[in-house]
Amino acid sequence: MNDDTLFDFTHRCIYEAADILRTEATFAPFARALKTDGSVERFACDDTDERSCYTRLLARLRAEVGMDDIDAAALVADVTIPAQYDPVSPTGIRVHLEEKAKRHKKVSARLLYVPYDKAGGEVILHPPISVGMPMEIYAP
């Protein structure tokens, strides 16, 4: 997979979350899978507990990547960004992003925290904060 495809996939995850935030106070976690044929599948969770929802989506993505037709996977959540990252705003969209092509690396997954502010019905996105981590979706 080329970098432009992954960037576009990540961009769409962030802007879908921002679109929801324009009309809602927050959003339930959701997941997206980029398939080898270029199509994107979205997974939602109807659980009202965000932690439980995130855990269920993680399990679903793990099962989906086992089919070997997914090049990248993302879990998206509305979070409070840890203060240690010195965010511009404490509220953020977190994208947990993993690529199949990087599953052999020790630290190959990324958490992207995109700080945001809401003002007058608009969502103002700030530059993302990227954090490397071991894989959880493609983990053996």
N, C-alpha and C. Protein backbone atom coordinates (compact mmCIF):
# COMPACT_ATOMS: atom_id res chain seq x y z
N MET A 1 0.85 -1.17 0.00
CA MET A 1 0.00 0.00 0.00
C MET A 1 0.90 1.24 0.00
N ASN A 2 0.52 2.22 -0.79
CA ASN A 2 1.34 3.43 -0.82
C ASN A 2 0.90 4.42 0.26
N ASP A 3 1.78 5.37 0.53
CA ASP A 3 1.53 6.35 1.59
C ASP A 3 0.29 7.20 1.32
N ASP A 4 0.04 7.53 0.06
CA ASP A 4 -1.13 8.36 -0.27
C ASP A 4 -2.44 7.65 0.09
N THR A 5 -2.49 6.36 -0.16
CA THR A 5 -3.69 5.58 0.16
C THR A 5 -3.92 5.55 1.66
N LEU A 6 -2.85 5.31 2.42
CA LEU A 6 -2.97 5.28 3.88
C LEU A 6 -3.34 6.65 4.42
N PHE A 7 -2.74 7.71 3.86
CA PHE A 7 -3.07 9.07 4.29
C PHE A 7 -4.55 9.36 4.04
N ASP A 8 -5.04 9.00 2.87
CA ASP A 8 -6.45 9.25 2.53
C ASP A 8 -7.37 8.47 3.48
N PHE A 9 -7.03 7.23 3.77
CA PHE A 9 -7.81 6.40 4.69
C PHE A 9 -7.87 7.06 6.07
N THR A 10 -6.72 7.51 6.57
CA THR A 10 -6.64 8.15 7.88
C THR A 10 -7.42 9.47 7.88
N HIS A 11 -7.24 10.24 6.84
CA HIS A 11 -7.93 11.52 6.67
C HIS A 11 -9.44 11.34 6.74
N ARG A 12 -9.94 10.32 6.06
CA ARG A 12 -11.39 10.06 6.05
C ARG A 12 -11.90 9.69 7.45
N CYS A 13 -11.10 8.94 8.20
CA CYS A 13 -11.48 8.59 9.57
C CYS A 13 -11.61 9.84 10.42
N ILE A 14 -10.63 10.73 10.33
CA ILE A 14 -10.63 11.96 11.12
C ILE A 14 -11.80 12.85 10.75
N TYR A 15 -12.03 13.02 9.46
CA TYR A 15 -13.10 13.92 9.03
C TYR A 15 -14.49 13.34 9.24
N GLU A 16 -14.63 12.04 9.25
CA GLU A 16 -15.92 11.45 9.61
C GLU A 16 -16.23 11.78 11.07
N ALA A 17 -15.23 11.63 11.94
CA ALA A 17 -15.41 11.96 13.36
C ALA A 17 -15.74 13.44 13.53
N ALA A 18 -15.03 14.30 12.81
CA ALA A 18 -15.28 15.75 12.91
C ALA A 18 -16.69 16.09 12.43
N ASP A 19 -17.15 15.42 11.38
CA ASP A 19 -18.50 15.67 10.88
C ASP A 19 -19.55 15.32 11.95
N ILE A 20 -19.34 14.20 12.64
CA ILE A 20 -20.27 13.81 13.70
C ILE A 20 -20.24 14.86 14.82
N LEU A 21 -19.05 15.33 15.16
CA LEU A 21 -18.90 16.29 16.26
C LEU A 21 -19.55 17.65 15.95
N ARG A 22 -19.77 17.94 14.70
CA ARG A 22 -20.43 19.21 14.34
C ARG A 22 -21.86 19.27 14.87
N THR A 23 -22.49 18.09 14.99
CA THR A 23 -23.89 18.06 15.43
C THR A 23 -24.10 17.36 16.77
N GLU A 24 -23.12 16.61 17.21
CA GLU A 24 -23.23 15.85 18.46
C GLU A 24 -22.16 16.32 19.44
N ALA A 25 -22.40 16.11 20.73
CA ALA A 25 -21.43 16.49 21.76
C ALA A 25 -20.21 15.57 21.73
N THR A 26 -20.43 14.32 21.36
CA THR A 26 -19.37 13.32 21.28
C THR A 26 -19.81 12.25 20.29
N PHE A 27 -19.00 11.22 20.12
CA PHE A 27 -19.42 10.12 19.24
C PHE A 27 -18.94 8.81 19.84
N ALA A 28 -19.67 7.75 19.51
CA ALA A 28 -19.28 6.41 19.94
C ALA A 28 -18.11 5.95 19.07
N PRO A 29 -17.20 5.19 19.63
CA PRO A 29 -16.09 4.67 18.82
C PRO A 29 -16.61 3.92 17.59
N PHE A 30 -15.84 4.00 16.52
CA PHE A 30 -16.15 3.23 15.32
C PHE A 30 -14.84 2.75 14.71
N ALA A 31 -14.95 1.82 13.80
CA ALA A 31 -13.76 1.27 13.16
C ALA A 31 -13.94 1.28 11.65
N ARG A 32 -12.81 1.29 10.97
CA ARG A 32 -12.80 1.20 9.51
C ARG A 32 -11.71 0.21 9.10
N ALA A 33 -11.99 -0.52 8.04
CA ALA A 33 -11.00 -1.46 7.51
C ALA A 33 -10.81 -1.15 6.02
N LEU A 34 -9.56 -1.00 5.61
CA LEU A 34 -9.22 -0.76 4.20
C LEU A 34 -8.86 -2.11 3.59
N LYS A 35 -9.68 -2.56 2.69
CA LYS A 35 -9.50 -3.88 2.09
C LYS A 35 -8.49 -3.83 0.94
N THR A 36 -7.97 -4.99 0.60
CA THR A 36 -6.96 -5.07 -0.46
C THR A 36 -7.50 -4.61 -1.82
N ASP A 37 -8.82 -4.69 -2.02
CA ASP A 37 -9.41 -4.23 -3.29
C ASP A 37 -9.68 -2.73 -3.30
N GLY A 38 -9.30 -2.04 -2.20
CA GLY A 38 -9.47 -0.59 -2.12
C GLY A 38 -10.77 -0.15 -1.47
N SER A 39 -11.68 -1.06 -1.23
CA SER A 39 -12.93 -0.69 -0.58
C SER A 39 -12.71 -0.50 0.92
N VAL A 40 -13.62 0.23 1.54
CA VAL A 40 -13.53 0.50 2.97
C VAL A 40 -14.81 0.00 3.63
N GLU A 41 -14.62 -0.74 4.71
CA GLU A 41 -15.76 -1.22 5.48
C GLU A 41 -15.76 -0.50 6.82
N ARG A 42 -16.94 -0.08 7.26
CA ARG A 42 -17.10 0.63 8.53
C ARG A 42 -17.81 -0.28 9.51
N PHE A 43 -17.35 -0.27 10.75
CA PHE A 43 -17.96 -1.05 11.81
C PHE A 43 -18.39 -0.10 12.93
N ALA A 44 -19.63 -0.23 13.33
CA ALA A 44 -20.15 0.60 14.42
C ALA A 44 -20.43 -0.30 15.62
N CYS A 45 -20.69 0.33 16.74
CA CYS A 45 -21.00 -0.39 17.96
C CYS A 45 -22.21 0.26 18.58
N ASP A 46 -23.17 -0.55 18.99
CA ASP A 46 -24.38 0.01 19.58
C ASP A 46 -24.35 -0.01 21.11
N ASP A 47 -23.24 -0.40 21.68
CA ASP A 47 -23.09 -0.43 23.13
C ASP A 47 -22.94 1.00 23.64
N THR A 48 -23.60 1.34 24.73
CA THR A 48 -23.52 2.70 25.26
C THR A 48 -22.25 2.94 26.09
N ASP A 49 -21.61 1.88 26.53
CA ASP A 49 -20.37 2.01 27.28
C ASP A 49 -19.20 2.09 26.29
N GLU A 50 -18.51 3.23 26.27
CA GLU A 50 -17.47 3.45 25.28
C GLU A 50 -16.32 2.45 25.38
N ARG A 51 -15.91 2.10 26.60
CA ARG A 51 -14.82 1.13 26.76
C ARG A 51 -15.20 -0.23 26.21
N SER A 52 -16.40 -0.65 26.53
CA SER A 52 -16.89 -1.93 26.04
C SER A 52 -16.99 -1.91 24.52
N CYS A 53 -17.45 -0.81 24.00
CA CYS A 53 -17.58 -0.64 22.56
C CYS A 53 -16.20 -0.74 21.89
N TYR A 54 -15.23 -0.04 22.44
CA TYR A 54 -13.87 -0.04 21.89
C TYR A 54 -13.30 -1.47 21.91
N THR A 55 -13.50 -2.18 23.01
CA THR A 55 -13.01 -3.55 23.14
C THR A 55 -13.67 -4.46 22.11
N ARG A 56 -14.96 -4.31 21.92
CA ARG A 56 -15.67 -5.12 20.92
C ARG A 56 -15.20 -4.83 19.51
N LEU A 57 -14.97 -3.56 19.20
CA LEU A 57 -14.48 -3.20 17.87
C LEU A 57 -13.07 -3.73 17.64
N LEU A 58 -12.24 -3.68 18.66
CA LEU A 58 -10.89 -4.23 18.56
C LEU A 58 -10.96 -5.73 18.26
N ALA A 59 -11.81 -6.45 18.96
CA ALA A 59 -11.97 -7.88 18.73
C ALA A 59 -12.49 -8.14 17.31
N ARG A 60 -13.43 -7.31 16.87
CA ARG A 60 -13.98 -7.48 15.51
C ARG A 60 -12.90 -7.27 14.46
N LEU A 61 -12.09 -6.23 14.63
CA LEU A 61 -11.01 -5.99 13.66
C LEU A 61 -10.00 -7.12 13.67
N ARG A 62 -9.67 -7.64 14.85
CA ARG A 62 -8.74 -8.78 14.92
C ARG A 62 -9.28 -9.96 14.11
N ALA A 63 -10.55 -10.21 14.22
CA ALA A 63 -11.16 -11.30 13.46
C ALA A 63 -11.14 -11.00 11.96
N GLU A 64 -11.43 -9.76 11.62
CA GLU A 64 -11.45 -9.37 10.20
C GLU A 64 -10.07 -9.46 9.55
N VAL A 65 -9.02 -9.03 10.24
CA VAL A 65 -7.69 -9.07 9.63
C VAL A 65 -7.21 -10.52 9.47
N GLY A 66 -7.80 -11.44 10.22
CA GLY A 66 -7.47 -12.85 10.07
C GLY A 66 -7.89 -13.38 8.70
N MET A 67 -8.80 -12.70 8.03
CA MET A 67 -9.25 -13.10 6.69
C MET A 67 -8.20 -12.75 5.64
N ASP A 68 -7.21 -11.95 6.03
CA ASP A 68 -6.08 -11.56 5.18
C ASP A 68 -6.44 -10.71 3.96
N ASP A 69 -7.60 -10.06 3.96
CA ASP A 69 -7.94 -9.18 2.85
C ASP A 69 -8.03 -7.72 3.29
N ILE A 70 -7.41 -7.41 4.44
CA ILE A 70 -7.42 -6.04 4.95
C ILE A 70 -5.99 -5.52 5.04
N ASP A 71 -5.73 -4.40 4.34
CA ASP A 71 -4.39 -3.80 4.32
C ASP A 71 -4.15 -2.87 5.50
N ALA A 72 -5.22 -2.24 6.02
CA ALA A 72 -5.07 -1.32 7.15
C ALA A 72 -6.37 -1.31 7.95
N ALA A 73 -6.22 -1.01 9.23
CA ALA A 73 -7.38 -0.95 10.11
C ALA A 73 -7.24 0.25 11.03
N ALA A 74 -8.38 0.84 11.37
CA ALA A 74 -8.38 2.01 12.26
C ALA A 74 -9.53 1.92 13.24
N LEU A 75 -9.23 2.26 14.47
CA LEU A 75 -10.24 2.42 15.52
C LEU A 75 -10.26 3.90 15.87
N VAL A 76 -11.44 4.50 15.86
CA VAL A 76 -11.56 5.93 16.07
C VAL A 76 -12.42 6.19 17.30
N ALA A 77 -11.92 7.08 18.18
CA ALA A 77 -12.64 7.38 19.42
C ALA A 77 -12.49 8.86 19.77
N ASP A 78 -13.47 9.35 20.50
CA ASP A 78 -13.44 10.71 21.05
C ASP A 78 -12.84 10.58 22.44
N VAL A 79 -11.71 11.25 22.69
CA VAL A 79 -10.97 11.04 23.93
C VAL A 79 -10.52 12.35 24.57
N THR A 80 -10.06 12.22 25.80
CA THR A 80 -9.30 13.28 26.44
C THR A 80 -7.84 12.91 26.22
N ILE A 81 -7.11 13.79 25.60
CA ILE A 81 -5.71 13.50 25.26
C ILE A 81 -4.87 13.56 26.54
N PRO A 82 -4.02 12.56 26.76
CA PRO A 82 -3.17 12.58 27.96
C PRO A 82 -2.33 13.87 28.03
N ALA A 83 -2.29 14.46 29.20
CA ALA A 83 -1.58 15.74 29.39
C ALA A 83 -0.10 15.62 29.04
N GLN A 84 0.48 14.44 29.17
CA GLN A 84 1.91 14.25 28.87
C GLN A 84 2.26 14.61 27.43
N TYR A 85 1.27 14.64 26.54
CA TYR A 85 1.53 14.99 25.14
C TYR A 85 1.39 16.48 24.88
N ASP A 86 1.08 17.25 25.93
CA ASP A 86 0.98 18.69 25.85
C ASP A 86 0.10 19.15 24.68
N PRO A 87 -1.15 18.68 24.65
CA PRO A 87 -2.02 19.03 23.52
C PRO A 87 -2.48 20.48 23.56
N VAL A 88 -2.77 21.02 22.40
CA VAL A 88 -3.32 22.36 22.26
C VAL A 88 -4.68 22.43 22.94
N SER A 89 -5.43 21.35 22.86
CA SER A 89 -6.75 21.23 23.48
C SER A 89 -6.82 19.83 24.11
N PRO A 90 -7.46 19.68 25.25
CA PRO A 90 -7.52 18.35 25.88
C PRO A 90 -8.45 17.38 25.16
N THR A 91 -9.41 17.90 24.39
CA THR A 91 -10.31 17.00 23.67
C THR A 91 -9.69 16.62 22.33
N GLY A 92 -9.90 15.36 21.96
CA GLY A 92 -9.27 14.93 20.72
C GLY A 92 -9.94 13.73 20.08
N ILE A 93 -9.68 13.59 18.81
CA ILE A 93 -10.06 12.41 18.05
C ILE A 93 -8.82 11.52 18.06
N ARG A 94 -8.98 10.29 18.53
CA ARG A 94 -7.84 9.36 18.51
C ARG A 94 -8.09 8.33 17.43
N VAL A 95 -7.08 8.16 16.58
CA VAL A 95 -7.13 7.14 15.54
C VAL A 95 -6.03 6.13 15.83
N HIS A 96 -6.44 4.93 16.16
CA HIS A 96 -5.51 3.81 16.37
C HIS A 96 -5.37 3.17 14.99
N LEU A 97 -4.19 3.29 14.39
CA LEU A 97 -3.97 2.91 13.00
C LEU A 97 -2.92 1.82 12.89
N GLU A 98 -3.25 0.78 12.12
CA GLU A 98 -2.30 -0.31 11.87
C GLU A 98 -2.35 -0.72 10.41
N GLU A 99 -1.16 -1.08 9.89
CA GLU A 99 -1.02 -1.56 8.51
C GLU A 99 -0.52 -2.99 8.51
N LYS A 100 -1.09 -3.80 7.65
CA LYS A 100 -0.66 -5.19 7.54
C LYS A 100 0.82 -5.26 7.15
N ALA A 101 1.27 -4.39 6.27
CA ALA A 101 2.64 -4.42 5.77
C ALA A 101 3.68 -4.18 6.86
N LYS A 102 3.28 -3.61 7.98
CA LYS A 102 4.24 -3.30 9.04
C LYS A 102 4.12 -4.22 10.24
N ARG A 103 3.39 -5.31 10.11
CA ARG A 103 3.15 -6.18 11.26
C ARG A 103 4.40 -6.88 11.77
N HIS A 104 5.46 -6.91 10.98
CA HIS A 104 6.71 -7.55 11.40
C HIS A 104 7.58 -6.65 12.28
N LYS A 105 7.25 -5.37 12.36
CA LYS A 105 8.04 -4.43 13.15
C LYS A 105 7.59 -4.42 14.61
N LYS A 106 8.53 -4.15 15.50
CA LYS A 106 8.23 -4.18 16.94
C LYS A 106 7.27 -3.05 17.34
N VAL A 107 7.54 -1.84 16.90
CA VAL A 107 6.66 -0.70 17.17
C VAL A 107 6.15 -0.23 15.81
N SER A 108 4.98 -0.72 15.45
CA SER A 108 4.51 -0.48 14.09
C SER A 108 3.11 0.10 14.02
N ALA A 109 2.42 0.18 15.12
CA ALA A 109 1.10 0.80 15.13
C ALA A 109 1.26 2.26 15.56
N ARG A 110 0.24 3.05 15.25
CA ARG A 110 0.27 4.46 15.62
C ARG A 110 -1.02 4.86 16.28
N LEU A 111 -0.89 5.73 17.26
CA LEU A 111 -2.04 6.44 17.79
C LEU A 111 -1.88 7.87 17.32
N LEU A 112 -2.86 8.36 16.61
CA LEU A 112 -2.87 9.77 16.21
C LEU A 112 -3.91 10.46 17.07
N TYR A 113 -3.46 11.44 17.82
CA TYR A 113 -4.37 12.27 18.59
C TYR A 113 -4.54 13.57 17.81
N VAL A 114 -5.76 13.89 17.46
CA VAL A 114 -6.04 15.13 16.75
C VAL A 114 -6.84 16.02 17.70
N PRO A 115 -6.15 16.97 18.35
CA PRO A 115 -6.86 17.87 19.26
C PRO A 115 -7.90 18.69 18.49
N TYR A 116 -9.01 18.97 19.14
CA TYR A 116 -10.03 19.80 18.48
C TYR A 116 -10.69 20.72 19.50
N ASP A 117 -11.25 21.79 18.96
CA ASP A 117 -12.09 22.71 19.71
C ASP A 117 -13.39 22.85 18.94
N LYS A 118 -14.47 23.12 19.65
CA LYS A 118 -15.76 23.38 19.01
C LYS A 118 -16.11 24.83 19.26
N ALA A 119 -16.52 25.50 18.19
CA ALA A 119 -16.91 26.92 18.32
C ALA A 119 -17.99 27.23 17.29
N GLY A 120 -19.14 27.65 17.78
CA GLY A 120 -20.22 28.07 16.88
C GLY A 120 -20.64 27.00 15.88
N GLY A 121 -20.71 25.77 16.30
CA GLY A 121 -21.13 24.69 15.40
C GLY A 121 -20.02 24.18 14.49
N GLU A 122 -18.84 24.72 14.61
CA GLU A 122 -17.71 24.26 13.81
C GLU A 122 -16.74 23.47 14.69
N VAL A 123 -16.03 22.57 14.07
CA VAL A 123 -15.00 21.80 14.74
C VAL A 123 -13.66 22.24 14.17
N ILE A 124 -12.81 22.76 15.04
CA ILE A 124 -11.49 23.24 14.63
C ILE A 124 -10.47 22.17 14.98
N LEU A 125 -9.87 21.58 13.96
CA LEU A 125 -8.87 20.53 14.16
C LEU A 125 -7.49 21.15 14.25
N HIS A 126 -6.70 20.65 15.17
CA HIS A 126 -5.32 21.12 15.34
C HIS A 126 -4.36 20.05 14.83
N PRO A 127 -3.09 20.39 14.65
CA PRO A 127 -2.12 19.40 14.15
C PRO A 127 -2.10 18.15 15.03
N PRO A 128 -2.01 16.99 14.39
CA PRO A 128 -2.03 15.73 15.14
C PRO A 128 -0.75 15.47 15.92
N ILE A 129 -0.91 14.65 16.94
CA ILE A 129 0.20 14.17 17.75
C ILE A 129 0.29 12.67 17.46
N SER A 130 1.45 12.20 17.03
CA SER A 130 1.62 10.80 16.68
C SER A 130 2.42 10.07 17.74
N VAL A 131 1.93 8.90 18.14
CA VAL A 131 2.59 8.08 19.15
C VAL A 131 2.71 6.66 18.62
N GLY A 132 3.92 6.10 18.63
CA GLY A 132 4.12 4.73 18.19
C GLY A 132 3.81 3.76 19.30
N MET A 133 3.36 2.56 18.91
CA MET A 133 3.04 1.52 19.89
C MET A 133 3.08 0.15 19.21
N PRO A 134 3.15 -0.92 19.99
CA PRO A 134 3.09 -2.26 19.41
C PRO A 134 1.69 -2.52 18.83
N MET A 135 1.64 -3.39 17.86
CA MET A 135 0.35 -3.73 17.23
C MET A 135 -0.56 -4.47 18.20
N GLU A 136 -1.85 -4.19 18.07
CA GLU A 136 -2.88 -4.90 18.82
C GLU A 136 -3.86 -5.61 17.88
N ILE A 137 -4.10 -5.01 16.72
CA ILE A 137 -5.05 -5.58 15.77
C ILE A 137 -4.40 -6.71 14.99
N TYR A 138 -3.22 -6.46 14.43
CA TYR A 138 -2.50 -7.47 13.65
C TYR A 138 -1.59 -8.35 14.50
N ALA A 139 -1.64 -8.17 15.82
CA ALA A 139 -0.77 -8.96 16.70
C ALA A 139 -1.04 -10.45 16.52
N PRO A 140 0.02 -11.25 16.55
CA PRO A 140 -0.18 -12.70 16.37
C PRO A 140 -0.93 -13.33 17.53
